[in-house]
Amino acid sequence: MVTDEPFDSRSGYILQRMRKILRRLLDYFADMGDSSIELIATGSDEYMLIVHALLEVAAHPEYDIASMTFNFCYNLHTYLLERESYVSYGLETLVSLA
């Protein structure tokens, strides 16, 4: 059956379910990032995949989705500032905390 409406009730339901699944998946990535702050801060290639995924989420145009990464970004920022030193672009950089 063809309708003039862009979405019938069934396709609307499917889109709603897909959106709910996407939110759960993005929430999972955010939780994974939060629980791996120390490992991510080392800059290893394996953990950079998580960071790249979280950056994609943070760049999402919908605030509700992008805001899922705020805790991760804040915790990573805080962790890096509290460390005595961190690796930046392959060079050891000292951070002096007064």
C-alpha atoms as a PDB file:
ATOM      1  CA  MET A   1       0.000   0.000   0.000  1.00  0.00           C
ATOM      2  CA  VAL A   2       1.441   3.370  -1.035  1.00  0.00           C
ATOM      3  CA  THR A   3       0.575   6.498   0.928  1.00  0.00           C
ATOM      4  CA  ASP A   4       1.271  10.170   0.362  1.00  0.00           C
ATOM      5  CA  GLU A   5       2.673  10.482   3.864  1.00  0.00           C
ATOM      6  CA  PRO A   6       6.469  10.075   4.146  1.00  0.00           C
ATOM      7  CA  PHE A   7       6.152   7.607   7.036  1.00  0.00           C
ATOM      8  CA  ASP A   8       3.377   5.310   8.010  1.00  0.00           C
ATOM      9  CA  SER A   9       2.889   4.276  11.641  1.00  0.00           C
ATOM     10  CA  ARG A  10       5.001   1.138  11.205  1.00  0.00           C
ATOM     11  CA  SER A  11       8.019   2.976   9.803  1.00  0.00           C
ATOM     12  CA  GLY A  12       7.662   5.588  12.550  1.00  0.00           C
ATOM     13  CA  TYR A  13       7.774   2.802  15.103  1.00  0.00           C
ATOM     14  CA  ILE A  14      10.864   1.312  13.458  1.00  0.00           C
ATOM     15  CA  LEU A  15      12.634   4.699  13.462  1.00  0.00           C
ATOM     16  CA  GLN A  16      11.732   5.172  17.111  1.00  0.00           C
ATOM     17  CA  ARG A  17      13.142   1.741  17.994  1.00  0.00           C
ATOM     18  CA  MET A  18      16.319   2.387  15.986  1.00  0.00           C
ATOM     19  CA  ARG A  19      16.788   5.696  17.773  1.00  0.00           C
ATOM     20  CA  LYS A  20      16.382   3.993  21.156  1.00  0.00           C
ATOM     21  CA  ILE A  21      18.935   1.322  20.191  1.00  0.00           C
ATOM     22  CA  LEU A  22      21.349   4.012  18.964  1.00  0.00           C
ATOM     23  CA  ARG A  23      21.048   5.910  22.241  1.00  0.00           C
ATOM     24  CA  ARG A  24      21.788   2.739  24.216  1.00  0.00           C
ATOM     25  CA  LEU A  25      24.825   2.030  22.056  1.00  0.00           C
ATOM     26  CA  LEU A  26      26.126   5.579  22.422  1.00  0.00           C
ATOM     27  CA  ASP A  27      25.531   5.428  26.162  1.00  0.00           C
ATOM     28  CA  TYR A  28      27.555   2.202  26.214  1.00  0.00           C
ATOM     29  CA  PHE A  29      30.459   3.934  24.427  1.00  0.00           C
ATOM     30  CA  ALA A  30      30.308   6.829  26.888  1.00  0.00           C
ATOM     31  CA  ASP A  31      30.380   4.413  29.851  1.00  0.00           C
ATOM     32  CA  MET A  32      33.269   2.533  28.272  1.00  0.00           C
ATOM     33  CA  GLY A  33      35.176   5.787  27.879  1.00  0.00           C
ATOM     34  CA  ASP A  34      34.473   6.812  31.480  1.00  0.00           C
ATOM     35  CA  SER A  35      35.713   3.485  32.798  1.00  0.00           C
ATOM     36  CA  SER A  36      38.900   3.615  30.693  1.00  0.00           C
ATOM     37  CA  ILE A  37      40.127   7.152  31.420  1.00  0.00           C
ATOM     38  CA  GLU A  38      43.545   6.048  32.682  1.00  0.00           C
ATOM     39  CA  LEU A  39      44.112   3.732  29.724  1.00  0.00           C
ATOM     40  CA  ILE A  40      42.886   6.287  27.206  1.00  0.00           C
ATOM     41  CA  ALA A  41      45.235   8.886  28.679  1.00  0.00           C
ATOM     42  CA  THR A  42      48.195   6.675  27.750  1.00  0.00           C
ATOM     43  CA  GLY A  43      47.410   7.344  24.094  1.00  0.00           C
ATOM     44  CA  SER A  44      47.543   3.710  22.968  1.00  0.00           C
ATOM     45  CA  ASP A  45      46.123   3.006  19.520  1.00  0.00           C
ATOM     46  CA  GLU A  46      43.558   0.513  20.836  1.00  0.00           C
ATOM     47  CA  TYR A  47      42.002   3.055  23.168  1.00  0.00           C
ATOM     48  CA  MET A  48      42.135   5.845  20.622  1.00  0.00           C
ATOM     49  CA  LEU A  49      39.377   3.971  18.766  1.00  0.00           C
ATOM     50  CA  ILE A  50      37.107   4.657  21.744  1.00  0.00           C
ATOM     51  CA  VAL A  51      38.123   8.311  21.736  1.00  0.00           C
ATOM     52  CA  HIS A  52      37.374   8.673  18.031  1.00  0.00           C
ATOM     53  CA  ALA A  53      33.956   7.083  18.520  1.00  0.00           C
ATOM     54  CA  LEU A  54      33.221   9.425  21.424  1.00  0.00           C
ATOM     55  CA  LEU A  55      34.327  12.439  19.390  1.00  0.00           C
ATOM     56  CA  GLU A  56      31.836  11.434  16.710  1.00  0.00           C
ATOM     57  CA  VAL A  57      29.127  11.299  19.382  1.00  0.00           C
ATOM     58  CA  ALA A  58      30.219  14.664  20.829  1.00  0.00           C
ATOM     59  CA  ALA A  59      29.955  16.232  17.362  1.00  0.00           C
ATOM     60  CA  HIS A  60      26.378  15.028  16.884  1.00  0.00           C
ATOM     61  CA  PRO A  61      24.019  17.935  16.145  1.00  0.00           C
ATOM     62  CA  GLU A  62      21.409  16.779  18.680  1.00  0.00           C
ATOM     63  CA  TYR A  63      22.187  18.027  22.182  1.00  0.00           C
ATOM     64  CA  ASP A  64      20.677  14.959  23.891  1.00  0.00           C
ATOM     65  CA  ILE A  65      23.092  12.696  22.047  1.00  0.00           C
ATOM     66  CA  ALA A  66      26.176  14.922  22.219  1.00  0.00           C
ATOM     67  CA  SER A  67      25.684  15.505  25.946  1.00  0.00           C
ATOM     68  CA  MET A  68      26.285  11.794  26.603  1.00  0.00           C
ATOM     69  CA  THR A  69      30.020  12.490  26.285  1.00  0.00           C
ATOM     70  CA  PHE A  70      30.254  15.445  28.679  1.00  0.00           C
ATOM     71  CA  ASN A  71      31.247  13.325  31.692  1.00  0.00           C
ATOM     72  CA  PHE A  72      33.903  11.517  29.673  1.00  0.00           C
ATOM     73  CA  CYS A  73      35.384  14.761  28.338  1.00  0.00           C
ATOM     74  CA  TYR A  74      35.419  16.360  31.781  1.00  0.00           C
ATOM     75  CA  ASN A  75      36.926  13.297  33.482  1.00  0.00           C
ATOM     76  CA  LEU A  76      39.638  12.939  30.837  1.00  0.00           C
ATOM     77  CA  HIS A  77      40.457  16.644  31.079  1.00  0.00           C
ATOM     78  CA  THR A  78      40.678  16.458  34.870  1.00  0.00           C
ATOM     79  CA  TYR A  79      42.780  13.300  34.797  1.00  0.00           C
ATOM     80  CA  LEU A  80      45.272  14.778  32.338  1.00  0.00           C
ATOM     81  CA  LEU A  81      45.641  17.966  34.361  1.00  0.00           C
ATOM     82  CA  GLU A  82      46.174  16.046  37.595  1.00  0.00           C
ATOM     83  CA  ARG A  83      48.843  13.778  36.160  1.00  0.00           C
ATOM     84  CA  GLU A  84      52.439  14.652  36.771  1.00  0.00           C
ATOM     85  CA  SER A  85      53.222  14.164  33.098  1.00  0.00           C
ATOM     86  CA  TYR A  86      51.452  13.038  29.954  1.00  0.00           C
ATOM     87  CA  VAL A  87      52.382  12.056  26.447  1.00  0.00           C
ATOM     88  CA  SER A  88      51.559  14.573  23.759  1.00  0.00           C
ATOM     89  CA  TYR A  89      52.331  13.874  20.116  1.00  0.00           C
ATOM     90  CA  GLY A  90      54.878  11.276  21.128  1.00  0.00           C
ATOM     91  CA  LEU A  91      56.912  13.664  23.290  1.00  0.00           C
ATOM     92  CA  GLU A  92      57.001  13.676  27.075  1.00  0.00           C
ATOM     93  CA  THR A  93      55.559  16.937  28.386  1.00  0.00           C
ATOM     94  CA  LEU A  94      55.700  17.899  32.021  1.00  0.00           C
ATOM     95  CA  VAL A  95      52.746  19.564  33.634  1.00  0.00           C
ATOM     96  CA  SER A  96      53.658  21.584  36.698  1.00  0.00           C
ATOM     97  CA  LEU A  97      50.947  21.734  39.308  1.00  0.00           C
ATOM     98  CA  ALA A  98      51.410  24.552  41.776  1.00  0.00           C
END
